[in-house]
Amino acid sequence: HTNVHTLFRESILLLTGETGEPCRASLTLTCDLADALSFAVVTGSEELVSRVLRVRVRDGTCCPFPVAVAVPFRARYRGNYRDVAVKVVDGQGRTSYVRPSYTEEMCRGQKGSFAEVRVYTLGLFAVVSCLRRENYTVPRRGLSLRLSADPRVCLHYLPGCFTSSVVLQPVDGSLLASLKSRRDGYHAVLSTSPLLHITHPSSQNLRRPLTVTLPCPPNPEKRRGAGQGGEQAQLTRPICGDASRSTPTLQKVSELLVLLGWKDDKWNILDKVTLRNLQNGLVSFELSENIERLFVVRLLSPVSPSRLTALAEEVEERVRCTAVNIVLQQAQADPHTALVAVLPSRDLPRAMSELRAQGYCGPAEPSLEIAMSEGEQLLVSFSGNITLTGGGGVCERITFHSQRKNHLRLHLTEVDPFGNYSSPHYKGTALFYKVAVGRVEWREGQATPSCCVSLKDLVCKLSVTLPKVHVHIPMTTTCPRPGCLSDSALLWLSEELSEEDVSQLVLCFRLRRGSVQLARHQAPGGPASWAYHVLALWRRALPAGPHSAKTASLARCLAKSGRPDLARELLLRQTATGESPVDSDK
């Protein structure tokens, strides 16, 4: 699907002139990808299911209208509650929704789905999945309407005449279970109905009551008990009474139904409305006033009104969010190439298996669950000894869309090649900051936050490591500078020293631990190679002076480290060269 736009780029634009005959538009129009603007394309409960295309007229050309545009898309989750539409945003920012016709095309062995529309304006084109809106007109004789999204939802109007629309937002059971696990005050909530959005004419009040029927499942424990033992198996609980009683009295638990409505820009409990419990978990009630949103809650025990309104607010907010996990994986062939993936929690095991099959590996545990809304962005930056290639505080961004792959490929590098000397890896931390849609602006051709991110926007930290590269430095045999120990002497000495001797010499040399660790990584040949690198490192750190003084200093260090035999041999070799050793009597 990533390449489907490239494959079909030649054939997604057609012109239809006055004769109605289509012709290629490649010489008149230009089509470019504008995925960086995807955050501005979706609003509310919409979900992006295609890439964002920008269609423009070439300079100096004239385009006859209408233009037929076919946008490739792929919707992962489709059901009765959602429809697919093409969203068009023109150059002045005006938005329109066009119902498309669907086509299937084959090109270069790949099959793609297209949403085709005919338009009279150009700009940004994207395919979005939005909640199904049903428009209807109530005739004078009245209307009994069952929604196509959920036939259990019924609206019964008495005789009248006006035009209205309704949108149904389902509430998943896992969402309610998540809220109950985080809030102790919601434990008495058994189930809820879908969120019902009704749009009535604002200038016309309901002259006669409107009957609404919504599904609100009963207590599952009570339903199972009734199936096993009839009325005797109904859920019961003891009533708190006098402690002197030896046998508690059992009372049947009666479920409570509460109706909440959106009035005066807030959720209110409609306690004056009578709710009737119907069969098969249906709830019916009558309304005598215009209510924009309706929500039914089934309770096991009474709950305070403030908690119920808070529940409605949280449900309304969370139905537009998706629980995701952030994963940072590195390519096995090149650990400096990393992939950041924002994966829906429900698809996490399958998505992790796909990443491993593509040659990525990383930490066993992803991040904790994070709630992300459509169009929100994640800013990715690094701290520690690892940064992005280019450095300078550069950060990358991911725009989240629940029905698209949210992947970001990065190239990492170390900040200090001499850092993390006590570890075989370079270490760093990936920091993820969440930026809401309202805080993102389009500046100088890119999307940037309207204000600086802060620590409160930090939602996740993931550790990352890079292997240290063992650079082999060949042992040079060039002539040393005047006053320096020769390479041949250091080579002879490195062959005589053991690994323990070198460790003792390091203490006598007083070298930095980081430098010694780097010398060990640069000498993969064994103890002799490491000893040579340590001796060469010590020689470079010596101040300028006579050759005999440096030989005597090295002899003293050998004697202190437990190898006086090598110290005597070194002094004899230096005497044989014709120079008198300094402090040789020591």
Protein backbone atom coordinates (compact mmCIF):
# COMPACT_ATOMS: atom_id res chain seq x y z
CA HIS A 1 0.00 0.00 0.00
CA THR A 2 2.97 2.33 0.58
CA ASN A 3 3.84 2.20 -3.13
CA VAL A 4 0.30 2.10 -4.47
CA HIS A 5 0.30 5.86 -5.09
CA THR A 6 3.53 5.59 -7.07
CA LEU A 7 2.23 2.64 -9.07
CA PHE A 8 -1.03 4.32 -9.99
CA ARG A 9 0.19 7.89 -10.20
CA GLU A 10 -0.21 7.94 -13.95
CA SER A 11 -3.85 6.89 -13.78
CA ILE A 12 -5.49 8.50 -10.77
CA LEU A 13 -6.26 11.82 -12.50
CA LEU A 14 -8.67 12.09 -15.40
CA LEU A 15 -10.21 15.13 -17.05
CA THR A 16 -13.77 15.15 -18.29
CA GLY A 17 -14.46 17.89 -20.82
CA GLU A 18 -17.68 19.06 -22.38
CA THR A 19 -17.84 15.96 -24.54
CA GLY A 20 -17.69 13.71 -21.48
CA GLU A 21 -14.70 11.82 -22.87
CA PRO A 22 -11.96 11.22 -20.29
CA CYS A 23 -8.35 12.09 -21.12
CA ARG A 24 -5.05 11.95 -19.29
CA ALA A 25 -4.34 14.89 -16.98
CA SER A 26 -0.60 14.40 -16.53
CA LEU A 27 0.15 17.44 -18.72
CA THR A 28 -2.33 19.73 -16.97
CA LEU A 29 -2.33 18.76 -13.29
CA THR A 30 0.34 17.86 -10.74
CA CYS A 31 -0.20 15.39 -7.92
CA ASP A 32 2.12 15.36 -4.91
CA LEU A 33 2.12 13.66 -1.52
CA ALA A 34 1.27 15.91 1.45
CA ASP A 35 1.37 13.44 4.34
CA ALA A 36 2.89 16.12 6.59
CA LEU A 37 -0.54 17.82 6.56
CA SER A 38 -2.41 14.71 7.68
CA PHE A 39 -2.93 16.18 11.17
CA ALA A 40 -5.04 18.96 9.65
CA VAL A 41 -7.17 16.65 7.50
CA VAL A 42 -8.93 14.68 10.27
CA THR A 43 -11.29 16.19 12.85
CA GLY A 44 -13.57 14.75 15.52
CA SER A 45 -14.13 11.02 15.19
CA GLU A 46 -12.69 10.77 11.64
CA GLU A 47 -9.91 8.29 10.84
CA LEU A 48 -7.52 8.63 7.92
CA VAL A 49 -7.38 5.54 5.67
CA SER A 50 -5.28 6.88 2.77
CA ARG A 51 -2.34 9.11 2.05
CA VAL A 52 -2.91 12.84 1.63
CA LEU A 53 -2.65 14.05 -1.98
CA ARG A 54 -2.28 17.62 -3.19
CA VAL A 55 -3.62 18.21 -6.70
CA ARG A 56 -2.79 21.52 -8.42
CA VAL A 57 -2.96 23.05 -11.87
CA ARG A 58 0.37 23.51 -13.59
CA ASP A 59 1.48 27.09 -14.08
CA GLY A 60 0.39 28.52 -17.39
CA THR A 61 -2.15 25.78 -18.12
CA CYS A 62 -5.93 25.69 -18.10
CA CYS A 63 -7.86 22.83 -16.58
CA PRO A 64 -11.39 21.99 -17.77
CA PHE A 65 -13.73 20.72 -15.07
CA PRO A 66 -15.00 18.42 -13.68
CA VAL A 67 -11.93 16.42 -12.65
CA ALA A 68 -12.23 12.78 -11.67
CA VAL A 69 -9.81 11.89 -8.87
CA ALA A 70 -9.36 8.29 -7.71
CA VAL A 71 -7.52 8.03 -4.39
CA PRO A 72 -6.09 4.64 -3.32
CA PHE A 73 -7.05 3.62 0.23
CA ARG A 74 -7.24 0.66 2.57
CA ALA A 75 -9.58 0.56 5.57
CA ARG A 76 -8.53 -1.97 8.21
CA TYR A 77 -11.66 -1.74 10.37
CA ARG A 78 -15.02 -1.30 8.69
CA GLY A 79 -18.45 -2.02 10.09
CA ASN A 80 -22.01 -0.82 10.21
CA TYR A 81 -21.11 2.21 12.30
CA ARG A 82 -18.72 3.81 9.79
CA ASP A 83 -18.76 5.13 6.23
CA VAL A 84 -15.92 6.08 3.90
CA ALA A 85 -15.85 9.53 2.28
CA VAL A 86 -13.37 11.63 0.33
CA LYS A 87 -12.47 14.82 2.16
CA VAL A 88 -11.47 17.78 0.00
CA VAL A 89 -9.78 20.91 1.42
CA ASP A 90 -9.36 23.73 -1.12
CA GLY A 91 -6.79 26.52 -1.10
CA GLN A 92 -8.97 28.76 1.10
CA GLY A 93 -9.34 26.07 3.77
CA ARG A 94 -12.95 25.22 2.91
CA THR A 95 -13.80 21.57 3.58
CA SER A 96 -16.25 19.36 1.72
CA TYR A 97 -17.13 15.67 1.92
CA VAL A 98 -17.89 13.74 -1.27
CA ARG A 99 -19.42 10.28 -1.32
CA PRO A 100 -17.18 8.24 -3.63
CA SER A 101 -17.71 5.35 -5.97
CA TYR A 102 -15.41 2.38 -5.29
CA THR A 103 -13.28 0.67 -7.91
CA GLU A 104 -10.72 -2.15 -7.90
CA GLU A 105 -7.69 -1.84 -10.17
CA MET A 106 -4.71 -4.04 -11.04
CA CYS A 107 -1.34 -2.52 -11.90
CA ARG A 108 2.07 -4.24 -12.02
CA GLY A 109 0.65 -7.29 -10.29
CA GLN A 110 -0.83 -5.34 -7.32
CA LYS A 111 -4.49 -4.88 -6.57
CA GLY A 112 -5.71 -1.62 -5.07
CA SER A 113 -8.99 -0.12 -3.86
CA PHE A 114 -9.85 3.37 -5.08
CA ALA A 115 -12.36 5.98 -3.95
CA GLU A 116 -13.29 7.96 -7.07
CA VAL A 117 -14.98 11.37 -7.00
CA ARG A 118 -15.72 14.10 -9.53
CA VAL A 119 -14.94 17.58 -8.26
CA TYR A 120 -14.93 21.19 -9.45
CA THR A 121 -12.21 22.37 -7.07
CA LEU A 122 -8.66 21.23 -6.34
CA GLY A 123 -6.56 21.08 -3.20
CA LEU A 124 -5.94 18.36 -0.63
CA PHE A 125 -7.62 14.98 -1.13
CA ALA A 126 -7.84 12.24 1.51
CA VAL A 127 -10.09 9.27 2.24
CA VAL A 128 -11.46 9.28 5.80
CA SER A 129 -13.57 6.83 7.77
CA CYS A 130 -16.26 8.67 9.69
CA LEU A 131 -19.27 7.72 11.78
CA ARG A 132 -22.34 6.96 9.68
CA ARG A 133 -24.75 9.88 9.68
CA GLU A 134 -28.38 9.13 8.83
CA ASN A 135 -30.50 12.03 7.61
CA TYR A 136 -34.26 11.73 7.64
CA THR A 137 -37.43 13.78 7.46
CA VAL A 138 -40.30 13.32 9.87
CA PRO A 139 -43.55 13.53 7.85
CA ARG A 140 -46.85 14.78 9.18
CA ARG A 141 -48.05 11.26 9.93
CA GLY A 142 -44.99 10.57 12.13
CA LEU A 143 -42.02 8.22 11.76
CA SER A 144 -40.64 5.08 13.34
CA LEU A 145 -36.96 4.85 12.37
CA ARG A 146 -34.55 1.98 12.98
CA LEU A 147 -30.93 2.91 12.39
CA SER A 148 -29.07 0.93 9.77
CA ALA A 149 -25.92 1.08 11.92
CA ASP A 150 -27.70 -0.75 14.78
CA PRO A 151 -31.30 -1.91 14.22
CA ARG A 152 -31.79 -2.14 17.99
CA VAL A 153 -31.77 1.68 18.16
CA CYS A 154 -35.23 3.02 17.36
CA LEU A 155 -36.61 6.58 17.20
CA HIS A 156 -40.40 6.91 17.23
CA TYR A 157 -41.77 10.35 16.28
CA LEU A 158 -45.37 11.32 16.63
CA PRO A 159 -46.92 13.33 13.74
CA GLY A 160 -44.81 16.35 12.84
CA CYS A 161 -42.76 17.68 9.95
CA PHE A 162 -39.06 18.57 10.12
CA THR A 163 -35.67 17.33 8.96
CA SER A 164 -33.13 15.76 11.32
CA SER A 165 -30.01 13.60 11.47
CA VAL A 166 -28.59 11.07 13.89
CA VAL A 167 -25.12 9.62 14.56
CA LEU A 168 -24.40 6.57 16.71
CA GLN A 169 -21.05 6.21 18.50
CA PRO A 170 -20.49 2.67 19.86
CA VAL A 171 -18.82 2.18 23.26
CA ASP A 172 -16.58 -0.88 23.39
CA GLY A 173 -16.80 -3.10 26.46
CA SER A 174 -13.01 -3.06 26.87
CA LEU A 175 -13.14 0.72 27.22
CA LEU A 176 -15.59 0.49 30.11
CA ALA A 177 -13.49 -2.25 31.75
CA SER A 178 -10.40 -0.03 31.46
CA LEU A 179 -12.18 2.91 33.12
CA LYS A 180 -13.47 0.69 35.94
CA SER A 181 -9.96 -0.65 36.61
CA ARG A 182 -8.60 2.90 36.97
CA ARG A 183 -11.44 4.48 38.95
CA ASP A 184 -12.84 2.85 42.06
CA GLY A 185 -15.98 4.97 41.81
CA TYR A 186 -17.02 3.21 38.58
CA HIS A 187 -17.16 -0.34 39.97
CA ALA A 188 -20.96 -0.15 40.28
CA VAL A 189 -21.32 0.49 36.51
CA LEU A 190 -22.51 -2.67 34.75
CA SER A 191 -22.91 -1.49 31.15
CA THR A 192 -23.62 1.53 29.00
CA SER A 193 -25.47 2.32 25.81
CA PRO A 194 -23.90 3.80 22.66
CA LEU A 195 -23.56 7.57 22.52
CA LEU A 196 -26.50 8.90 20.49
CA HIS A 197 -26.10 12.25 18.71
CA ILE A 198 -29.39 13.72 17.48
CA THR A 199 -29.58 16.96 15.49
CA HIS A 200 -33.01 18.60 15.57
CA PRO A 201 -33.89 22.03 14.16
CA SER A 202 -32.84 24.57 16.80
CA SER A 203 -35.77 26.83 16.00
CA GLN A 204 -38.38 24.10 16.39
CA ASN A 205 -39.14 22.38 19.69
CA LEU A 206 -40.66 18.95 20.07
CA ARG A 207 -44.39 19.46 20.23
CA ARG A 208 -44.95 15.80 21.08
CA PRO A 209 -42.73 13.35 22.98
CA LEU A 210 -40.05 11.43 21.10
CA THR A 211 -39.68 7.76 22.06
CA VAL A 212 -36.08 6.49 21.99
CA THR A 213 -34.99 2.87 22.34
CA LEU A 214 -31.32 2.13 23.06
CA PRO A 215 -29.45 -1.11 23.81
CA CYS A 216 -27.95 -1.32 27.31
CA PRO A 217 -26.96 -4.94 28.17
CA PRO A 218 -28.06 -6.29 31.54
CA ASN A 219 -25.76 -7.67 34.23
CA PRO A 220 -23.99 -10.69 32.64
CA GLU A 221 -23.67 -12.44 36.03
CA LYS A 222 -27.40 -12.17 36.61
CA ARG A 223 -28.14 -13.47 33.11
CA ARG A 224 -25.91 -16.53 33.64
CA GLY A 225 -27.45 -17.20 37.02
CA ALA A 226 -30.96 -16.98 35.65
CA GLY A 227 -30.06 -19.47 32.94
CA GLN A 228 -28.75 -21.98 35.48
CA GLY A 229 -31.30 -21.85 38.26
CA GLY A 230 -34.10 -19.56 37.31
CA GLU A 231 -35.33 -17.05 39.85
CA GLN A 232 -33.59 -18.81 42.76
CA ALA A 233 -30.21 -18.08 41.17
CA GLN A 234 -30.70 -14.29 41.03
CA LEU A 235 -27.85 -12.22 42.40
CA THR A 236 -28.30 -11.45 46.09
CA ARG A 237 -26.30 -9.70 48.76
CA PRO A 238 -26.63 -9.23 52.55
CA ILE A 239 -28.10 -6.05 54.00
CA CYS A 240 -26.01 -4.29 56.61
CA GLY A 241 -27.87 -4.59 59.91
CA ASP A 242 -27.39 -5.02 63.64
CA ALA A 243 -24.21 -6.89 64.55
CA SER A 244 -26.15 -9.00 67.10
CA ARG A 245 -27.97 -10.80 64.33
CA SER A 246 -26.45 -14.19 63.64
CA THR A 247 -28.06 -14.76 60.23
CA PRO A 248 -27.97 -11.96 57.65
CA THR A 249 -31.04 -11.21 55.61
CA LEU A 250 -30.66 -11.58 51.84
CA GLN A 251 -32.22 -9.11 49.43
CA LYS A 252 -32.42 -9.24 45.65
CA VAL A 253 -30.24 -6.72 43.93
CA SER A 254 -32.22 -4.36 41.68
CA GLU A 255 -30.37 -2.74 38.81
CA LEU A 256 -30.66 1.00 38.29
CA LEU A 257 -30.95 2.84 34.98
CA VAL A 258 -29.73 6.43 34.62
CA LEU A 259 -30.15 8.68 31.59
CA LEU A 260 -27.62 11.43 30.90
CA GLY A 261 -28.09 14.20 28.34
CA TRP A 262 -25.98 17.03 26.97
CA LYS A 263 -27.61 20.35 27.84
CA ASP A 264 -26.17 23.82 28.41
CA ASP A 265 -22.72 22.66 27.23
CA LYS A 266 -22.38 19.98 29.90
CA TRP A 267 -23.61 16.52 30.82
CA ASN A 268 -26.71 16.42 33.07
CA ILE A 269 -28.70 13.63 34.69
CA LEU A 270 -32.25 13.63 33.28
CA ASP A 271 -33.92 12.42 36.48
CA LYS A 272 -37.40 13.49 35.34
CA VAL A 273 -37.36 11.03 32.45
CA THR A 274 -38.80 7.57 33.13
CA LEU A 275 -36.81 4.65 31.73
CA ARG A 276 -38.43 1.33 30.93
CA ASN A 277 -36.55 -1.97 30.88
CA LEU A 278 -37.51 -3.97 27.79
CA GLN A 279 -36.52 -7.46 26.71
CA ASN A 280 -33.12 -8.36 25.25
CA GLY A 281 -31.33 -5.58 27.11
CA LEU A 282 -33.23 -2.70 25.50
CA VAL A 283 -34.14 0.52 27.33
CA SER A 284 -36.94 2.86 26.24
CA PHE A 285 -37.77 6.41 27.32
CA GLU A 286 -39.60 9.50 26.09
CA LEU A 287 -38.15 12.97 25.52
CA SER A 288 -40.12 16.19 25.45
CA GLU A 289 -37.21 18.56 24.69
CA ASN A 290 -34.29 18.72 22.28
CA ILE A 291 -31.26 16.90 23.65
CA GLU A 292 -28.12 16.82 21.49
CA ARG A 293 -26.50 13.73 23.05
CA LEU A 294 -27.93 10.83 25.05
CA PHE A 295 -26.22 8.18 27.17
CA VAL A 296 -27.76 5.41 29.31
CA VAL A 297 -25.88 3.79 32.21
CA ARG A 298 -26.92 0.57 34.00
CA LEU A 299 -25.82 0.48 37.65
CA LEU A 300 -25.58 -2.22 40.30
CA SER A 301 -25.88 0.34 43.13
CA PRO A 302 -26.43 4.10 43.36
CA VAL A 303 -23.57 6.34 42.17
CA SER A 304 -23.19 10.06 42.88
CA PRO A 305 -24.27 12.40 40.05
CA SER A 306 -20.80 13.96 39.83
CA ARG A 307 -19.22 10.57 39.12
CA LEU A 308 -21.83 9.76 36.49
CA THR A 309 -21.23 13.01 34.62
CA ALA A 310 -17.47 12.42 34.91
CA LEU A 311 -18.02 8.93 33.46
CA ALA A 312 -19.90 10.37 30.47
CA GLU A 313 -17.12 12.90 29.85
CA GLU A 314 -14.40 10.23 30.02
CA VAL A 315 -16.31 7.84 27.75
CA GLU A 316 -16.89 10.61 25.22
CA GLU A 317 -13.20 11.45 25.24
CA ARG A 318 -11.84 7.90 25.23
CA VAL A 319 -14.01 6.61 22.35
CA ARG A 320 -11.93 8.86 20.10
CA CYS A 321 -8.66 7.49 21.47
CA THR A 322 -6.75 4.31 20.70
CA ALA A 323 -4.60 2.42 23.19
CA VAL A 324 -1.13 2.07 21.63
CA ASN A 325 2.35 0.88 22.54
CA ILE A 326 5.57 2.47 21.29
CA VAL A 327 8.26 0.10 20.05
CA LEU A 328 11.86 0.92 19.16
CA GLN A 329 13.55 -1.73 17.04
CA GLN A 330 16.97 -1.85 15.36
CA ALA A 331 17.94 -3.63 12.16
CA GLN A 332 19.97 -6.75 12.76
CA ALA A 333 22.15 -6.07 9.72
CA ASP A 334 22.78 -2.43 10.70
CA PRO A 335 22.09 -1.49 14.36
CA HIS A 336 22.49 2.20 13.47
CA THR A 337 19.22 1.95 11.48
CA ALA A 338 16.26 2.09 13.87
CA LEU A 339 12.49 1.84 13.44
CA VAL A 340 10.01 3.54 15.76
CA ALA A 341 6.54 1.99 15.49
CA VAL A 342 3.32 3.11 17.22
CA LEU A 343 1.26 -0.08 17.37
CA PRO A 344 -2.35 -0.56 18.55
CA SER A 345 -2.33 -2.62 21.74
CA ARG A 346 -4.86 -5.09 20.34
CA ASP A 347 -2.50 -5.90 17.43
CA LEU A 348 0.77 -5.81 19.38
CA PRO A 349 1.75 -9.55 19.24
CA ARG A 350 1.05 -9.84 15.51
CA ALA A 351 2.81 -6.56 14.68
CA MET A 352 5.89 -7.54 16.71
CA SER A 353 6.09 -10.83 14.80
CA GLU A 354 5.95 -8.94 11.50
CA LEU A 355 8.79 -6.64 12.58
CA ARG A 356 10.95 -9.60 13.57
CA ALA A 357 10.25 -11.21 10.19
CA GLN A 358 11.48 -8.00 8.52
CA GLY A 359 14.82 -8.27 10.31
CA TYR A 360 14.29 -5.93 13.26
CA CYS A 361 15.15 -6.69 16.87
CA GLY A 362 15.14 -4.69 20.07
CA PRO A 363 14.10 -4.63 23.72
CA ALA A 364 11.72 -7.41 24.71
CA GLU A 365 9.27 -5.01 26.38
CA PRO A 366 7.52 -2.17 24.53
CA SER A 367 6.27 0.93 26.30
CA LEU A 368 3.23 1.00 28.53
CA GLU A 369 -0.17 1.69 26.97
CA ILE A 370 -0.66 5.27 25.80
CA ALA A 371 -3.94 6.84 24.67
CA MET A 372 -3.53 8.53 21.28
CA SER A 373 -6.15 10.46 19.33
CA GLU A 374 -6.37 10.71 15.56
CA GLY A 375 -3.96 13.33 14.23
CA GLU A 376 -1.90 13.71 17.41
CA GLN A 377 1.87 13.82 16.99
CA LEU A 378 4.77 12.22 18.84
CA LEU A 379 8.05 14.13 18.91
CA VAL A 380 11.08 11.83 19.14
CA SER A 381 14.40 13.05 20.56
CA PHE A 382 17.42 11.36 22.10
CA SER A 383 19.54 11.95 25.18
CA GLY A 384 22.69 10.35 26.54
CA ASN A 385 25.47 9.23 24.25
CA ILE A 386 23.21 8.52 21.24
CA THR A 387 21.66 11.04 18.88
CA LEU A 388 20.19 11.28 15.41
CA THR A 389 22.52 11.64 12.47
CA GLY A 390 23.07 15.37 12.07
CA GLY A 391 22.78 16.14 15.82
CA GLY A 392 22.11 19.72 16.85
CA GLY A 393 19.04 18.86 18.90
CA VAL A 394 17.20 17.46 15.91
CA CYS A 395 13.90 15.70 16.65
CA GLU A 396 11.60 13.72 14.40
CA ARG A 397 7.83 13.40 14.51
CA ILE A 398 5.16 10.77 13.92
CA THR A 399 1.56 11.70 13.15
CA PHE A 400 -0.73 9.02 14.58
CA HIS A 401 -3.55 7.52 12.51
CA SER A 402 -5.27 4.44 13.91
CA GLN A 403 -5.90 2.77 10.55
CA ARG A 404 -2.49 3.40 9.01
CA LYS A 405 1.05 2.19 9.68
CA ASN A 406 2.74 4.62 12.04
CA HIS A 407 6.40 3.86 11.34
CA LEU A 408 9.41 6.17 11.46
CA ARG A 409 12.88 5.11 10.29
CA LEU A 410 15.87 6.80 11.92
CA HIS A 411 19.64 6.66 11.61
CA LEU A 412 21.46 6.80 14.95
CA THR A 413 25.04 7.64 15.83
CA GLU A 414 27.07 8.11 19.00
CA VAL A 415 27.80 11.53 20.47
CA ASP A 416 31.18 10.74 22.04
CA PRO A 417 33.11 7.76 20.63
CA PHE A 418 35.17 7.67 23.86
CA GLY A 419 32.11 7.67 26.13
CA ASN A 420 30.60 4.72 28.03
CA TYR A 421 34.12 3.35 28.52
CA SER A 422 32.96 0.80 31.10
CA SER A 423 30.36 -0.70 28.75
CA PRO A 424 30.74 -2.59 25.46
CA HIS A 425 27.91 -0.43 24.04
CA TYR A 426 27.08 3.23 23.59
CA LYS A 427 23.99 4.02 25.68
CA GLY A 428 21.19 6.52 25.21
CA THR A 429 17.49 7.14 25.77
CA ALA A 430 14.71 7.88 23.29
CA LEU A 431 12.25 10.48 24.60
CA PHE A 432 8.68 10.70 23.24
CA TYR A 433 6.55 13.84 23.70
CA LYS A 434 2.85 13.94 22.77
CA VAL A 435 1.56 17.05 21.00
CA ALA A 436 -2.20 17.57 20.68
CA VAL A 437 -3.73 18.46 17.33
CA GLY A 438 -4.63 21.98 18.47
CA ARG A 439 -1.00 22.74 19.32
CA VAL A 440 0.38 21.92 15.86
CA GLU A 441 0.81 24.68 13.29
CA TRP A 442 2.08 24.76 9.71
CA ARG A 443 5.18 26.97 9.50
CA GLU A 444 7.67 27.35 6.66
CA GLY A 445 6.55 24.17 4.95
CA GLN A 446 6.54 21.89 8.00
CA ALA A 447 4.34 21.07 10.97
CA THR A 448 5.69 22.49 14.25
CA PRO A 449 4.22 22.75 17.77
CA SER A 450 2.71 26.15 18.53
CA CYS A 451 4.62 26.16 21.84
CA CYS A 452 7.64 24.38 23.25
CA VAL A 453 7.10 20.91 24.63
CA SER A 454 7.68 20.41 28.37
CA LEU A 455 8.26 17.53 30.72
CA LYS A 456 4.50 17.16 31.28
CA ASP A 457 4.19 16.24 27.59
CA LEU A 458 6.69 13.38 28.02
CA VAL A 459 4.77 10.10 27.67
CA CYS A 460 7.48 7.49 27.22
CA LYS A 461 11.19 6.72 27.56
CA LEU A 462 12.90 3.81 25.79
CA SER A 463 16.52 2.79 26.20
CA VAL A 464 18.67 2.29 23.11
CA THR A 465 22.22 1.00 22.63
CA LEU A 466 24.74 0.95 19.81
CA PRO A 467 27.65 -1.48 19.56
CA LYS A 468 31.14 -0.06 19.76
CA VAL A 469 33.14 -0.43 16.58
CA HIS A 470 36.54 -2.09 17.09
CA VAL A 471 38.92 -0.02 14.98
CA HIS A 472 42.18 -1.84 14.35
CA ILE A 473 45.15 0.54 14.38
CA PRO A 474 48.17 -1.17 12.77
CA MET A 475 51.43 -1.13 14.71
CA THR A 476 53.63 1.30 12.84
CA THR A 477 57.32 0.62 12.48
CA THR A 478 58.33 4.12 11.54
CA CYS A 479 61.32 5.72 13.13
CA PRO A 480 60.42 7.38 16.44
CA ARG A 481 60.92 11.02 17.09
CA PRO A 482 64.15 12.05 18.82
CA GLY A 483 63.87 11.43 22.55
CA CYS A 484 61.18 8.70 22.22
CA LEU A 485 61.33 5.00 22.94
CA SER A 486 61.56 3.00 19.75
CA ASP A 487 58.73 0.87 18.44
CA SER A 488 61.00 -2.18 18.45
CA ALA A 489 61.55 -1.84 22.21
CA LEU A 490 57.82 -1.54 22.85
CA LEU A 491 57.11 -4.52 20.59
CA TRP A 492 59.65 -6.66 22.44
CA LEU A 493 58.26 -5.60 25.80
CA SER A 494 54.62 -6.26 24.79
CA GLU A 495 55.51 -9.85 23.87
CA GLU A 496 57.01 -10.42 27.34
CA LEU A 497 54.14 -8.94 29.40
CA SER A 498 51.10 -10.93 30.49
CA GLU A 499 47.59 -9.49 30.86
CA GLU A 500 48.05 -9.21 34.65
CA ASP A 501 51.36 -7.37 34.15
CA VAL A 502 49.65 -4.88 31.85
CA SER A 503 46.92 -4.25 34.43
CA GLN A 504 49.58 -3.46 37.05
CA LEU A 505 51.45 -1.23 34.61
CA VAL A 506 48.25 0.76 33.95
CA LEU A 507 48.12 1.65 37.65
CA CYS A 508 51.74 2.79 37.59
CA PHE A 509 51.24 4.79 34.38
CA ARG A 510 48.25 6.66 35.88
CA LEU A 511 46.34 6.59 32.59
CA ARG A 512 42.68 7.54 32.26
CA ARG A 513 40.27 4.64 32.42
CA GLY A 514 38.54 5.75 29.25
CA SER A 515 41.80 5.80 27.32
CA VAL A 516 42.74 2.33 28.59
CA GLN A 517 39.30 0.97 27.68
CA LEU A 518 39.62 2.43 24.18
CA ALA A 519 43.06 0.83 23.83
CA ARG A 520 41.56 -2.54 24.74
CA HIS A 521 38.88 -2.18 22.03
CA GLN A 522 41.47 -1.11 19.49
CA ALA A 523 43.59 -4.22 20.14
CA PRO A 524 41.51 -7.30 19.26
CA GLY A 525 44.66 -9.39 18.69
CA GLY A 526 45.18 -10.44 22.31
CA PRO A 527 47.22 -9.42 25.41
CA ALA A 528 50.33 -8.59 23.38
CA SER A 529 48.44 -6.19 21.13
CA TRP A 530 46.75 -4.58 24.15
CA ALA A 531 50.14 -4.22 25.92
CA TYR A 532 51.60 -2.49 22.87
CA HIS A 533 48.70 -0.02 22.67
CA VAL A 534 49.00 0.76 26.39
CA LEU A 535 52.75 1.33 26.12
CA ALA A 536 52.28 3.52 23.03
CA LEU A 537 49.56 5.49 24.85
CA TRP A 538 51.92 6.04 27.80
CA ARG A 539 54.72 7.09 25.45
CA ARG A 540 52.54 9.72 23.74
CA ALA A 541 51.59 11.19 27.11
CA LEU A 542 55.25 11.72 28.19
CA PRO A 543 56.71 15.23 28.04
CA ALA A 544 59.66 15.98 25.83
CA GLY A 545 62.92 14.74 27.31
CA PRO A 546 66.01 12.60 26.73
CA HIS A 547 65.59 9.01 25.60
CA SER A 548 67.50 7.62 28.59
CA ALA A 549 65.19 9.35 31.09
CA LYS A 550 62.09 7.80 29.51
CA THR A 551 63.74 4.38 29.49
CA ALA A 552 64.59 4.71 33.18
CA SER A 553 61.00 5.83 33.95
CA LEU A 554 59.58 2.79 32.17
CA ALA A 555 62.08 0.53 34.05
CA ARG A 556 60.89 1.93 37.39
CA CYS A 557 57.25 1.22 36.45
CA LEU A 558 58.14 -2.35 35.45
CA ALA A 559 59.88 -2.90 38.78
CA LYS A 560 56.90 -1.52 40.75
CA SER A 561 54.48 -3.75 38.81
CA GLY A 562 56.42 -6.90 39.80
CA ARG A 563 58.65 -7.41 36.75
CA PRO A 564 62.19 -6.28 37.78
CA ASP A 565 63.63 -8.81 35.37
CA LEU A 566 62.12 -6.98 32.43
CA ALA A 567 63.33 -3.69 33.92
CA ARG A 568 66.94 -4.95 33.99
CA GLU A 569 66.65 -6.33 30.48
CA LEU A 570 65.28 -3.01 29.22
CA LEU A 571 68.19 -1.11 30.79
CA LEU A 572 70.70 -3.53 29.29
CA ARG A 573 69.14 -3.04 25.84
CA GLN A 574 69.32 0.71 26.32
CA THR A 575 72.98 0.47 27.39
CA ALA A 576 73.74 -1.58 24.32
CA THR A 577 72.50 1.28 22.15
CA GLY A 578 75.28 3.47 23.52
CA GLU A 579 73.25 5.76 25.86
CA SER A 580 73.88 5.86 29.63
CA PRO A 581 70.76 5.11 31.62
CA VAL A 582 69.60 7.65 34.11
CA ASP A 583 69.00 6.36 37.65
CA SER A 584 69.93 2.86 36.53
CA ASP A 585 71.30 2.09 40.00
CA LYS A 586 67.76 2.22 41.30
